[in-house]
């Protein structure tokens, strides 16, 4: 039996890389009172405001109950509010407030700074290649 080298396992390496990136990002976001998962919701809303909690759940891969808690905390920060869905009286959309829209100006440069710090050891083009490979793994396709 040859054994299994856990330190060369994709799962182990991805988990450790995620822990490092999460810690960098958490520390940078802390002065704004926002967590990395909350930032992800804001980033999706900056792209398309007014998504439903179900749509945010699908985009992030986070269950709807957890999304609800994230939205609640962003609402307490004054960054989002729940708005009635124009086509479905029972549904709610998550809408950016003026402060939520303005937060993009502070948080996006911070996220880009974290990305540069995290990927500093990569050669030119390797970050983009890594993103393409991870997107392939996430989608489960082999194209």
C-alpha atoms as a PDB file:
ATOM      1  CA  UNK A   1       0.000   0.000   0.000  1.00  0.00           C
ATOM      2  CA  UNK A   2       1.424   3.388  -1.020  1.00  0.00           C
ATOM      3  CA  UNK A   3      -0.574   5.490   1.426  1.00  0.00           C
ATOM      4  CA  UNK A   4      -2.361   8.738   0.873  1.00  0.00           C
ATOM      5  CA  UNK A   5      -0.482  12.032   0.989  1.00  0.00           C
ATOM      6  CA  UNK A   6      -3.064  14.308   2.565  1.00  0.00           C
ATOM      7  CA  UNK A   7      -0.858  17.360   2.076  1.00  0.00           C
ATOM      8  CA  UNK A   8      -1.071  16.878  -1.702  1.00  0.00           C
ATOM      9  CA  UNK A   9      -4.813  16.238  -1.702  1.00  0.00           C
ATOM     10  CA  UNK A  10      -6.875  18.758  -3.682  1.00  0.00           C
ATOM     11  CA  UNK A  11      -9.480  18.862  -0.922  1.00  0.00           C
ATOM     12  CA  UNK A  12      -6.903  19.546   1.783  1.00  0.00           C
ATOM     13  CA  UNK A  13      -5.089  22.191  -0.285  1.00  0.00           C
ATOM     14  CA  UNK A  14      -8.346  23.936  -1.242  1.00  0.00           C
ATOM     15  CA  UNK A  15      -9.537  23.917   2.369  1.00  0.00           C
ATOM     16  CA  UNK A  16      -6.265  25.406   3.643  1.00  0.00           C
ATOM     17  CA  UNK A  17      -6.184  28.015   0.864  1.00  0.00           C
ATOM     18  CA  UNK A  18      -9.806  28.910   1.671  1.00  0.00           C
ATOM     19  CA  UNK A  19      -8.983  29.277   5.383  1.00  0.00           C
ATOM     20  CA  UNK A  20      -6.116  31.629   4.564  1.00  0.00           C
ATOM     21  CA  UNK A  21      -8.134  33.715   2.104  1.00  0.00           C
ATOM     22  CA  UNK A  22     -11.108  33.872   4.476  1.00  0.00           C
ATOM     23  CA  UNK A  23      -8.866  35.086   7.324  1.00  0.00           C
ATOM     24  CA  UNK A  24      -7.305  37.808   5.130  1.00  0.00           C
ATOM     25  CA  UNK A  25     -10.721  38.937   3.956  1.00  0.00           C
ATOM     26  CA  UNK A  26     -12.344  38.773   7.411  1.00  0.00           C
ATOM     27  CA  UNK A  27      -9.584  40.959   8.860  1.00  0.00           C
ATOM     28  CA  UNK A  28      -9.884  43.551   6.073  1.00  0.00           C
ATOM     29  CA  UNK A  29     -13.691  43.681   6.301  1.00  0.00           C
ATOM     30  CA  UNK A  30     -13.812  43.886  10.110  1.00  0.00           C
ATOM     31  CA  UNK A  31     -13.635  47.709  10.320  1.00  0.00           C
ATOM     32  CA  UNK A  32     -16.772  47.859   8.138  1.00  0.00           C
ATOM     33  CA  UNK A  33     -18.689  45.358  10.286  1.00  0.00           C
ATOM     34  CA  UNK A  34     -19.172  43.064   7.274  1.00  0.00           C
ATOM     35  CA  UNK A  35     -18.222  39.380   7.024  1.00  0.00           C
ATOM     36  CA  UNK A  36     -17.032  37.582   3.869  1.00  0.00           C
ATOM     37  CA  UNK A  37     -20.424  35.848   3.376  1.00  0.00           C
ATOM     38  CA  UNK A  38     -22.204  39.207   3.742  1.00  0.00           C
ATOM     39  CA  UNK A  39     -19.772  40.721   1.232  1.00  0.00           C
ATOM     40  CA  UNK A  40     -20.715  37.964  -1.242  1.00  0.00           C
ATOM     41  CA  UNK A  41     -24.404  38.911  -0.992  1.00  0.00           C
ATOM     42  CA  UNK A  42     -23.562  42.585  -1.472  1.00  0.00           C
ATOM     43  CA  UNK A  43     -21.406  41.748  -4.504  1.00  0.00           C
ATOM     44  CA  UNK A  44     -24.286  39.856  -6.146  1.00  0.00           C
ATOM     45  CA  UNK A  45     -26.625  42.754  -5.379  1.00  0.00           C
ATOM     46  CA  UNK A  46     -24.156  45.286  -6.833  1.00  0.00           C
ATOM     47  CA  UNK A  47     -24.350  43.269 -10.054  1.00  0.00           C
ATOM     48  CA  UNK A  48     -28.141  42.930  -9.948  1.00  0.00           C
ATOM     49  CA  UNK A  49     -30.078  44.682  -7.229  1.00  0.00           C
ATOM     50  CA  UNK A  50     -33.390  43.264  -6.068  1.00  0.00           C
ATOM     51  CA  UNK A  51     -32.602  39.554  -6.140  1.00  0.00           C
ATOM     52  CA  UNK A  52     -34.844  37.332  -4.045  1.00  0.00           C
ATOM     53  CA  UNK A  53     -33.445  35.352  -1.129  1.00  0.00           C
ATOM     54  CA  UNK A  54     -33.998  32.219  -3.214  1.00  0.00           C
ATOM     55  CA  UNK A  55     -31.923  33.670  -6.067  1.00  0.00           C
ATOM     56  CA  UNK A  56     -29.187  34.676  -3.619  1.00  0.00           C
ATOM     57  CA  UNK A  57     -29.258  31.161  -2.174  1.00  0.00           C
ATOM     58  CA  UNK A  58     -28.883  29.621  -5.640  1.00  0.00           C
ATOM     59  CA  UNK A  59     -26.053  31.981  -6.635  1.00  0.00           C
ATOM     60  CA  UNK A  60     -24.072  31.497  -3.430  1.00  0.00           C
ATOM     61  CA  UNK A  61     -24.848  27.849  -2.753  1.00  0.00           C
ATOM     62  CA  UNK A  62     -25.921  28.822   0.774  1.00  0.00           C
ATOM     63  CA  UNK A  63     -29.222  27.511   2.161  1.00  0.00           C
ATOM     64  CA  UNK A  64     -32.160  29.924   2.339  1.00  0.00           C
ATOM     65  CA  UNK A  65     -32.292  29.944   6.143  1.00  0.00           C
ATOM     66  CA  UNK A  66     -28.661  31.070   6.348  1.00  0.00           C
ATOM     67  CA  UNK A  67     -29.281  33.648   3.603  1.00  0.00           C
ATOM     68  CA  UNK A  68     -32.142  35.014   5.699  1.00  0.00           C
ATOM     69  CA  UNK A  69     -29.800  35.566   8.640  1.00  0.00           C
ATOM     70  CA  UNK A  70     -27.189  37.220   6.421  1.00  0.00           C
ATOM     71  CA  UNK A  71     -29.841  39.543   4.987  1.00  0.00           C
ATOM     72  CA  UNK A  72     -31.096  40.354   8.500  1.00  0.00           C
ATOM     73  CA  UNK A  73     -27.593  41.367   9.591  1.00  0.00           C
ATOM     74  CA  UNK A  74     -27.016  43.454   6.445  1.00  0.00           C
ATOM     75  CA  UNK A  75     -30.367  45.154   7.077  1.00  0.00           C
ATOM     76  CA  UNK A  76     -29.294  45.980  10.661  1.00  0.00           C
ATOM     77  CA  UNK A  77     -26.168  47.581   9.173  1.00  0.00           C
ATOM     78  CA  UNK A  78     -28.446  49.671   6.938  1.00  0.00           C
ATOM     79  CA  UNK A  79     -26.997  48.197   3.732  1.00  0.00           C
ATOM     80  CA  UNK A  80     -30.068  46.341   2.435  1.00  0.00           C
ATOM     81  CA  UNK A  81     -33.814  46.229   2.944  1.00  0.00           C
ATOM     82  CA  UNK A  82     -36.511  43.791   1.979  1.00  0.00           C
ATOM     83  CA  UNK A  83     -38.768  45.147  -0.777  1.00  0.00           C
ATOM     84  CA  UNK A  84     -42.013  43.720  -2.117  1.00  0.00           C
ATOM     85  CA  UNK A  85     -41.693  41.796  -5.351  1.00  0.00           C
ATOM     86  CA  UNK A  86     -43.648  43.672  -8.041  1.00  0.00           C
ATOM     87  CA  UNK A  87     -45.008  40.493  -9.660  1.00  0.00           C
ATOM     88  CA  UNK A  88     -45.636  38.371  -6.553  1.00  0.00           C
ATOM     89  CA  UNK A  89     -47.186  39.891  -3.419  1.00  0.00           C
ATOM     90  CA  UNK A  90     -45.939  36.968  -1.316  1.00  0.00           C
ATOM     91  CA  UNK A  91     -42.309  37.324  -2.405  1.00  0.00           C
ATOM     92  CA  UNK A  92     -39.646  39.682  -1.165  1.00  0.00           C
ATOM     93  CA  UNK A  93     -36.626  41.047  -2.922  1.00  0.00           C
ATOM     94  CA  UNK A  94     -33.407  42.140  -1.250  1.00  0.00           C
ATOM     95  CA  UNK A  95     -32.681  45.729  -2.252  1.00  0.00           C
ATOM     96  CA  UNK A  96     -29.603  47.810  -1.625  1.00  0.00           C
ATOM     97  CA  UNK A  97     -30.057  50.998   0.357  1.00  0.00           C
ATOM     98  CA  UNK A  98     -28.137  54.128  -0.616  1.00  0.00           C
ATOM     99  CA  UNK A  99     -25.519  53.115   1.974  1.00  0.00           C
ATOM    100  CA  UNK A 100     -25.383  49.612   0.478  1.00  0.00           C
ATOM    101  CA  UNK A 101     -24.756  51.005  -2.991  1.00  0.00           C
ATOM    102  CA  UNK A 102     -22.144  53.421  -1.637  1.00  0.00           C
ATOM    103  CA  UNK A 103     -20.348  50.609   0.245  1.00  0.00           C
ATOM    104  CA  UNK A 104     -19.209  49.241  -3.116  1.00  0.00           C
ATOM    105  CA  UNK A 105     -16.762  52.160  -3.366  1.00  0.00           C
ATOM    106  CA  UNK A 106     -14.997  51.064  -0.156  1.00  0.00           C
ATOM    107  CA  UNK A 107     -15.395  47.299  -0.261  1.00  0.00           C
ATOM    108  CA  UNK A 108     -14.455  46.483  -3.864  1.00  0.00           C
ATOM    109  CA  UNK A 109     -10.963  48.046  -3.615  1.00  0.00           C
ATOM    110  CA  UNK A 110     -10.531  46.172  -0.327  1.00  0.00           C
ATOM    111  CA  UNK A 111     -11.514  42.871  -2.008  1.00  0.00           C
ATOM    112  CA  UNK A 112      -9.070  43.540  -4.845  1.00  0.00           C
ATOM    113  CA  UNK A 113      -6.327  44.247  -2.289  1.00  0.00           C
ATOM    114  CA  UNK A 114      -7.063  40.920  -0.570  1.00  0.00           C
ATOM    115  CA  UNK A 115      -6.967  39.163  -3.954  1.00  0.00           C
ATOM    116  CA  UNK A 116      -3.540  40.686  -4.720  1.00  0.00           C
ATOM    117  CA  UNK A 117      -2.203  39.690  -1.301  1.00  0.00           C
ATOM    118  CA  UNK A 118      -3.562  36.149  -1.571  1.00  0.00           C
ATOM    119  CA  UNK A 119      -2.263  35.588  -5.096  1.00  0.00           C
ATOM    120  CA  UNK A 120       1.080  37.371  -4.682  1.00  0.00           C
ATOM    121  CA  UNK A 121       3.024  34.104  -5.061  1.00  0.00           C
ATOM    122  CA  UNK A 122       1.423  33.200  -8.393  1.00  0.00           C
ATOM    123  CA  UNK A 123       2.956  33.804 -11.798  1.00  0.00           C
ATOM    124  CA  UNK A 124       1.157  36.107 -14.273  1.00  0.00           C
ATOM    125  CA  UNK A 125      -1.959  34.374 -15.581  1.00  0.00           C
ATOM    126  CA  UNK A 126      -2.017  31.683 -12.879  1.00  0.00           C
ATOM    127  CA  UNK A 127      -4.740  33.396 -10.844  1.00  0.00           C
ATOM    128  CA  UNK A 128      -7.030  33.493 -13.887  1.00  0.00           C
ATOM    129  CA  UNK A 129      -6.153  29.876 -14.684  1.00  0.00           C
ATOM    130  CA  UNK A 130      -6.940  28.862 -11.104  1.00  0.00           C
ATOM    131  CA  UNK A 131     -10.322  30.606 -11.318  1.00  0.00           C
ATOM    132  CA  UNK A 132     -11.128  28.807 -14.594  1.00  0.00           C
ATOM    133  CA  UNK A 133     -10.207  25.431 -13.086  1.00  0.00           C
ATOM    134  CA  UNK A 134     -12.222  26.044  -9.926  1.00  0.00           C
ATOM    135  CA  UNK A 135     -15.222  27.151 -12.007  1.00  0.00           C
ATOM    136  CA  UNK A 136     -14.961  23.883 -13.935  1.00  0.00           C
ATOM    137  CA  UNK A 137     -14.876  21.895 -10.721  1.00  0.00           C
ATOM    138  CA  UNK A 138     -17.816  23.858  -9.336  1.00  0.00           C
ATOM    139  CA  UNK A 139     -19.954  23.336 -12.422  1.00  0.00           C
ATOM    140  CA  UNK A 140     -19.168  19.637 -12.608  1.00  0.00           C
ATOM    141  CA  UNK A 141     -18.653  19.889 -16.345  1.00  0.00           C
ATOM    142  CA  UNK A 142     -15.637  18.758 -18.261  1.00  0.00           C
ATOM    143  CA  UNK A 143     -15.638  21.357 -21.036  1.00  0.00           C
END
